[in-house]
PDB file of N, CA and C in Angstrom:
ATOM      1  N   MET A   1       0.828  -1.188   0.000  1.00  0.00           N
ATOM      2  CA  MET A   1       0.000   0.000   0.000  1.00  0.00           C
ATOM      3  C   MET A   1       0.877   1.259   0.000  1.00  0.00           C
ATOM      4  N   CYS A   2       1.813   1.321   0.906  1.00  0.00           N
ATOM      5  CA  CYS A   2       2.683   2.483   1.009  1.00  0.00           C
ATOM      6  C   CYS A   2       3.562   2.609  -0.232  1.00  0.00           C
ATOM      7  N   ARG A   3       4.002   1.480  -0.741  1.00  0.00           N
ATOM      8  CA  ARG A   3       4.830   1.486  -1.946  1.00  0.00           C
ATOM      9  C   ARG A   3       4.058   2.010  -3.149  1.00  0.00           C
ATOM     10  N   ALA A   4       2.833   1.609  -3.277  1.00  0.00           N
ATOM     11  CA  ALA A   4       1.998   2.055  -4.398  1.00  0.00           C
ATOM     12  C   ALA A   4       1.779   3.571  -4.317  1.00  0.00           C
ATOM     13  N   LEU A   5       1.526   4.048  -3.129  1.00  0.00           N
ATOM     14  CA  LEU A   5       1.323   5.483  -2.943  1.00  0.00           C
ATOM     15  C   LEU A   5       2.612   6.248  -3.276  1.00  0.00           C
ATOM     16  N   LEU A   6       3.740   5.691  -2.864  1.00  0.00           N
ATOM     17  CA  LEU A   6       5.026   6.320  -3.158  1.00  0.00           C
ATOM     18  C   LEU A   6       5.272   6.373  -4.664  1.00  0.00           C
ATOM     19  N   LEU A   7       4.948   5.293  -5.360  1.00  0.00           N
ATOM     20  CA  LEU A   7       5.145   5.256  -6.808  1.00  0.00           C
ATOM     21  C   LEU A   7       4.195   6.212  -7.523  1.00  0.00           C
ATOM     22  N   LYS A   8       3.019   6.410  -6.977  1.00  0.00           N
ATOM     23  CA  LYS A   8       2.065   7.322  -7.596  1.00  0.00           C
ATOM     24  C   LYS A   8       2.478   8.782  -7.385  1.00  0.00           C
ATOM     25  N   CYS A   9       3.049   9.086  -6.249  1.00  0.00           N
ATOM     26  CA  CYS A   9       3.403  10.475  -5.916  1.00  0.00           C
ATOM     27  C   CYS A   9       4.789  10.880  -6.403  1.00  0.00           C
ATOM     28  N   SER A  10       5.611   9.925  -6.734  1.00  0.00           N
ATOM     29  CA  SER A  10       6.987  10.219  -7.118  1.00  0.00           C
ATOM     30  C   SER A  10       7.107  11.170  -8.308  1.00  0.00           C
ATOM     31  N   PRO A  11       6.378  10.973  -9.410  1.00  0.00           N
ATOM     32  CA  PRO A  11       6.513  11.920 -10.538  1.00  0.00           C
ATOM     33  C   PRO A  11       6.092  13.339 -10.168  1.00  0.00           C
ATOM     34  N   TYR A  12       5.066  13.455  -9.357  1.00  0.00           N
ATOM     35  CA  TYR A  12       4.593  14.785  -8.972  1.00  0.00           C
ATOM     36  C   TYR A  12       5.582  15.487  -8.057  1.00  0.00           C
ATOM     37  N   SER A  13       6.172  14.731  -7.147  1.00  0.00           N
ATOM     38  CA  SER A  13       7.156  15.361  -6.261  1.00  0.00           C
ATOM     39  C   SER A  13       8.395  15.778  -7.050  1.00  0.00           C
ATOM     40  N   THR A  14       8.780  14.960  -8.025  1.00  0.00           N
ATOM     41  CA  THR A  14       9.922  15.306  -8.876  1.00  0.00           C
ATOM     42  C   THR A  14       9.610  16.566  -9.686  1.00  0.00           C
ATOM     43  N   LEU A  15       8.397  16.638 -10.222  1.00  0.00           N
ATOM     44  CA  LEU A  15       7.984  17.821 -10.970  1.00  0.00           C
ATOM     45  C   LEU A  15       8.012  19.062 -10.078  1.00  0.00           C
ATOM     46  N   PHE A  16       7.496  18.938  -8.868  1.00  0.00           N
ATOM     47  CA  PHE A  16       7.489  20.061  -7.935  1.00  0.00           C
ATOM     48  C   PHE A  16       8.912  20.498  -7.602  1.00  0.00           C
ATOM     49  N   LEU A  17       9.805  19.538  -7.363  1.00  0.00           N
ATOM     50  CA  LEU A  17      11.191  19.890  -7.052  1.00  0.00           C
ATOM     51  C   LEU A  17      11.863  20.592  -8.236  1.00  0.00           C
ATOM     52  N   GLY A  18      11.556  20.139  -9.447  1.00  0.00           N
ATOM     53  CA  GLY A  18      12.110  20.772 -10.644  1.00  0.00           C
ATOM     54  C   GLY A  18      11.629  22.205 -10.790  1.00  0.00           C
ATOM     55  N   VAL A  19      10.343  22.430 -10.548  1.00  0.00           N
ATOM     56  CA  VAL A  19       9.786  23.784 -10.644  1.00  0.00           C
ATOM     57  C   VAL A  19      10.407  24.677  -9.576  1.00  0.00           C
ATOM     58  N   ALA A  20      10.545  24.155  -8.371  1.00  0.00           N
ATOM     59  CA  ALA A  20      11.136  24.942  -7.285  1.00  0.00           C
ATOM     60  C   ALA A  20      12.593  25.286  -7.599  1.00  0.00           C
ATOM     61  N   TYR A  21      13.328  24.324  -8.155  1.00  0.00           N
ATOM     62  CA  TYR A  21      14.728  24.561  -8.505  1.00  0.00           C
ATOM     63  C   TYR A  21      14.841  25.644  -9.586  1.00  0.00           C
ATOM     64  N   ARG A  22      14.010  25.567 -10.611  1.00  0.00           N
ATOM     65  CA  ARG A  22      14.047  26.548 -11.697  1.00  0.00           C
ATOM     66  C   ARG A  22      13.675  27.940 -11.182  1.00  0.00           C
ATOM     67  N   ALA A  23      12.709  28.011 -10.279  1.00  0.00           N
ATOM     68  CA  ALA A  23      12.322  29.302  -9.709  1.00  0.00           C
ATOM     69  C   ALA A  23      13.494  29.903  -8.936  1.00  0.00           C
ATOM     70  N   LYS A  24      14.209  29.054  -8.210  1.00  0.00           N
ATOM     71  CA  LYS A  24      15.367  29.532  -7.458  1.00  0.00           C
ATOM     72  C   LYS A  24      16.451  30.057  -8.404  1.00  0.00           C
ATOM     73  N   CYS A  25      16.726  29.314  -9.471  1.00  0.00           N
ATOM     74  CA  CYS A  25      17.736  29.744 -10.452  1.00  0.00           C
ATOM     75  C   CYS A  25      17.315  31.036 -11.133  1.00  0.00           C
ATOM     76  N   TYR A  26      16.043  31.133 -11.493  1.00  0.00           N
ATOM     77  CA  TYR A  26      15.547  32.328 -12.172  1.00  0.00           C
ATOM     78  C   TYR A  26      15.690  33.544 -11.276  1.00  0.00           C
ATOM     79  N   ASN A  27      15.323  33.408 -10.028  1.00  0.00           N
ATOM     80  CA  ASN A  27      15.423  34.532  -9.091  1.00  0.00           C
ATOM     81  C   ASN A  27      16.877  34.930  -8.841  1.00  0.00           C
ATOM     82  N   TYR A  28      17.791  33.982  -8.947  1.00  0.00           N
ATOM     83  CA  TYR A  28      19.213  34.272  -8.762  1.00  0.00           C
ATOM     84  C   TYR A  28      19.789  34.971  -9.989  1.00  0.00           C
ATOM     85  N   LEU A  29      19.393  34.519 -11.187  1.00  0.00           N
ATOM     86  CA  LEU A  29      19.991  35.037 -12.411  1.00  0.00           C
ATOM     87  C   LEU A  29      19.327  36.307 -12.923  1.00  0.00           C
ATOM     88  N   GLN A  30      18.090  36.566 -12.552  1.00  0.00           N
ATOM     89  CA  GLN A  30      17.369  37.729 -13.052  1.00  0.00           C
ATOM     90  C   GLN A  30      18.079  39.050 -12.757  1.00  0.00           C
ATOM     91  N   PRO A  31      18.509  39.309 -11.522  1.00  0.00           N
ATOM     92  CA  PRO A  31      19.199  40.583 -11.262  1.00  0.00           C
ATOM     93  C   PRO A  31      20.509  40.722 -12.037  1.00  0.00           C
ATOM     94  N   ARG A  32      21.209  39.624 -12.223  1.00  0.00           N
ATOM     95  CA  ARG A  32      22.464  39.681 -12.979  1.00  0.00           C
ATOM     96  C   ARG A  32      22.212  40.039 -14.435  1.00  0.00           C
ATOM     97  N   ALA A  33      21.202  39.432 -15.029  1.00  0.00           N
ATOM     98  CA  ALA A  33      20.878  39.718 -16.425  1.00  0.00           C
ATOM     99  C   ALA A  33      20.409  41.159 -16.575  1.00  0.00           C
ATOM    100  N   GLU A  34      19.655  41.637 -15.615  1.00  0.00           N
ATOM    101  CA  GLU A  34      19.181  43.015 -15.638  1.00  0.00           C
ATOM    102  C   GLU A  34      20.357  43.991 -15.590  1.00  0.00           C
ATOM    103  N   GLU A  35      21.326  43.694 -14.755  1.00  0.00           N
ATOM    104  CA  GLU A  35      22.514  44.539 -14.636  1.00  0.00           C
ATOM    105  C   GLU A  35      23.320  44.523 -15.941  1.00  0.00           C
ATOM    106  N   GLU A  36      23.447  43.353 -16.553  1.00  0.00           N
ATOM    107  CA  GLU A  36      24.178  43.256 -17.818  1.00  0.00           C
ATOM    108  C   GLU A  36      23.485  44.057 -18.913  1.00  0.00           C
ATOM    109  N   ARG A  37      22.154  43.988 -18.969  1.00  0.00           N
ATOM    110  CA  ARG A  37      21.420  44.765 -19.972  1.00  0.00           C
ATOM    111  C   ARG A  37      21.596  46.265 -19.734  1.00  0.00           C
ATOM    112  N   ARG A  38      21.584  46.669 -18.475  1.00  0.00           N
ATOM    113  CA  ARG A  38      21.755  48.079 -18.147  1.00  0.00           C
ATOM    114  C   ARG A  38      23.143  48.573 -18.577  1.00  0.00           C
ATOM    115  N   LEU A  39      24.165  47.753 -18.298  1.00  0.00           N
ATOM    116  CA  LEU A  39      25.530  48.133 -18.688  1.00  0.00           C
ATOM    117  C   LEU A  39      25.687  48.158 -20.205  1.00  0.00           C
ATOM    118  N   ALA A  40      25.057  47.210 -20.897  1.00  0.00           N
ATOM    119  CA  ALA A  40      25.139  47.178 -22.355  1.00  0.00           C
ATOM    120  C   ALA A  40      24.469  48.411 -22.958  1.00  0.00           C
ATOM    121  N   ALA A  41      23.345  48.816 -22.405  1.00  0.00           N
ATOM    122  CA  ALA A  41      22.664  50.015 -22.900  1.00  0.00           C
ATOM    123  C   ALA A  41      23.509  51.260 -22.656  1.00  0.00           C
ATOM    124  N   LYS A  42      24.152  51.310 -21.502  1.00  0.00           N
ATOM    125  CA  LYS A  42      25.010  52.449 -21.178  1.00  0.00           C
ATOM    126  C   LYS A  42      26.194  52.519 -22.145  1.00  0.00           C
ATOM    127  N   GLU A  43      26.807  51.371 -22.427  1.00  0.00           N
ATOM    128  CA  GLU A  43      27.943  51.311 -23.352  1.00  0.00           C
ATOM    129  C   GLU A  43      27.502  51.689 -24.766  1.00  0.00           C
ATOM    130  N   LYS A  44      26.333  51.231 -25.177  1.00  0.00           N
ATOM    131  CA  LYS A  44      25.828  51.551 -26.511  1.00  0.00           C
ATOM    132  C   LYS A  44      25.581  53.052 -26.638  1.00  0.00           C
ATOM    133  N   LYS A  45      25.052  53.647 -25.586  1.00  0.00           N
ATOM    134  CA  LYS A  45      24.812  55.089 -25.598  1.00  0.00           C
ATOM    135  C   LYS A  45      26.127  55.849 -25.712  1.00  0.00           C
ATOM    136  N   LYS A  46      27.145  55.381 -24.984  1.00  0.00           N
ATOM    137  CA  LYS A  46      28.464  56.026 -25.027  1.00  0.00           C
ATOM    138  C   LYS A  46      29.063  55.916 -26.432  1.00  0.00           C
ATOM    139  N   GLN A  47      28.938  54.731 -27.053  1.00  0.00           N
ATOM    140  CA  GLN A  47      29.464  54.547 -28.403  1.00  0.00           C
ATOM    141  C   GLN A  47      28.722  55.419 -29.406  1.00  0.00           C
ATOM    142  N   GLY A  48      27.416  55.567 -29.194  1.00  0.00           N
ATOM    143  CA  GLY A  48      26.624  56.431 -30.074  1.00  0.00           C
ATOM    144  C   GLY A  48      27.093  57.867 -30.005  1.00  0.00           C
ATOM    145  N   LYS A  49      27.446  58.335 -28.821  1.00  0.00           N
ATOM    146  CA  LYS A  49      27.958  59.700 -28.677  1.00  0.00           C
ATOM    147  C   LYS A  49      29.269  59.859 -29.426  1.00  0.00           C
ATOM    148  N   TRP A  50      30.150  58.851 -29.298  1.00  0.00           N
ATOM    149  CA  TRP A  50      31.442  58.936 -29.988  1.00  0.00           C
ATOM    150  C   TRP A  50      31.259  58.923 -31.501  1.00  0.00           C
ATOM    151  N   LYS A  51      30.344  58.108 -31.999  1.00  0.00           N
ATOM    152  CA  LYS A  51      30.094  58.065 -33.439  1.00  0.00           C
ATOM    153  C   LYS A  51      29.560  59.410 -33.927  1.00  0.00           C
ATOM    154  N   HIS A  52      28.699  60.018 -33.125  1.00  0.00           N
ATOM    155  CA  HIS A  52      28.150  61.330 -33.476  1.00  0.00           C
ATOM    156  C   HIS A  52      29.272  62.373 -33.548  1.00  0.00           C
ATOM    157  N   ILE A  53      30.163  62.350 -32.585  1.00  0.00           N
ATOM    158  CA  ILE A  53      31.300  63.290 -32.567  1.00  0.00           C
ATOM    159  C   ILE A  53      32.200  63.053 -33.775  1.00  0.00           C
ATOM    160  N   GLU A  54      32.447  61.781 -34.094  1.00  0.00           N
ATOM    161  CA  GLU A  54      33.291  61.465 -35.249  1.00  0.00           C
ATOM    162  C   GLU A  54      32.648  61.965 -36.542  1.00  0.00           C
ATOM    163  N   ARG A  55      31.334  61.801 -36.672  1.00  0.00           N
ATOM    164  CA  ARG A  55      30.640  62.289 -37.860  1.00  0.00           C
ATOM    165  C   ARG A  55      30.738  63.804 -37.975  1.00  0.00           C
ATOM    166  N   GLU A  56      30.566  64.494 -36.854  1.00  0.00           N
ATOM    167  CA  GLU A  56      30.672  65.961 -36.881  1.00  0.00           C
ATOM    168  C   GLU A  56      32.072  66.395 -37.277  1.00  0.00           C
ATOM    169  N   LEU A  57      33.095  65.715 -36.758  1.00  0.00           N
ATOM    170  CA  LEU A  57      34.469  66.058 -37.136  1.00  0.00           C
ATOM    171  C   LEU A  57      34.710  65.801 -38.615  1.00  0.00           C
ATOM    172  N   ALA A  58      34.188  64.692 -39.118  1.00  0.00           N
ATOM    173  CA  ALA A  58      34.356  64.391 -40.540  1.00  0.00           C
ATOM    174  C   ALA A  58      33.657  65.442 -41.397  1.00  0.00           C
ATOM    175  N   GLU A  59      32.464  65.859 -40.996  1.00  0.00           N
ATOM    176  CA  GLU A  59      31.759  66.904 -41.737  1.00  0.00           C
ATOM    177  C   GLU A  59      32.534  68.220 -41.692  1.00  0.00           C
ATOM    178  N   ALA A  60      33.083  68.540 -40.540  1.00  0.00           N
ATOM    179  CA  ALA A  60      33.843  69.786 -40.406  1.00  0.00           C
ATOM    180  C   ALA A  60      35.081  69.746 -41.299  1.00  0.00           C
ATOM    181  N   GLN A  61      35.729  68.601 -41.374  1.00  0.00           N
ATOM    182  CA  GLN A  61      36.906  68.483 -42.236  1.00  0.00           C
ATOM    183  C   GLN A  61      36.508  68.566 -43.704  1.00  0.00           C
ATOM    184  N   ASP A  62      35.368  67.948 -44.066  1.00  0.00           N
ATOM    185  CA  ASP A  62      34.900  68.045 -45.449  1.00  0.00           C
ATOM    186  C   ASP A  62      34.564  69.483 -45.808  1.00  0.00           C
ATOM    187  N   ASN A  63      33.931  70.179 -44.886  1.00  0.00           N
ATOM    188  CA  ASN A  63      33.571  71.578 -45.147  1.00  0.00           C
ATOM    189  C   ASN A  63      34.814  72.452 -45.277  1.00  0.00           C
ATOM    190  N   SER A  64      35.836  72.182 -44.466  1.00  0.00           N
ATOM    191  CA  SER A  64      37.056  72.992 -44.545  1.00  0.00           C
ATOM    192  C   SER A  64      37.816  72.687 -45.835  1.00  0.00           C
ATOM    193  N   ILE A  65      37.733  71.457 -46.313  1.00  0.00           N
ATOM    194  CA  ILE A  65      38.413  71.096 -47.563  1.00  0.00           C
ATOM    195  C   ILE A  65      37.689  71.742 -48.754  1.00  0.00           C
ATOM    196  N   ARG A  66      36.374  71.778 -48.701  1.00  0.00           N
ATOM    197  CA  ARG A  66      35.586  72.331 -49.800  1.00  0.00           C
ATOM    198  C   ARG A  66      35.754  73.847 -49.921  1.00  0.00           C
ATOM    199  N   LYS A  67      36.024  74.536 -48.844  1.00  0.00           N
ATOM    200  CA  LYS A  67      36.126  76.005 -48.877  1.00  0.00           C
ATOM    201  C   LYS A  67      37.385  76.478 -49.476  1.00  0.00           C
TER     202      LYS A  67
END
């Protein structure tokens, strides 16, 4: 009787443990991924500023050459 009950409940307990484990991993990794995205956006913004400055310098040099 006890063995049958154990065999019936085993897949469900395994499923529950898997869900609990994944929730723990997700909660651990979520802040790290958020921080990485924030840093990547900051770096992209910085690179965009440099590209804008480079374009302005190139335009200024083209204008000085044309004059």
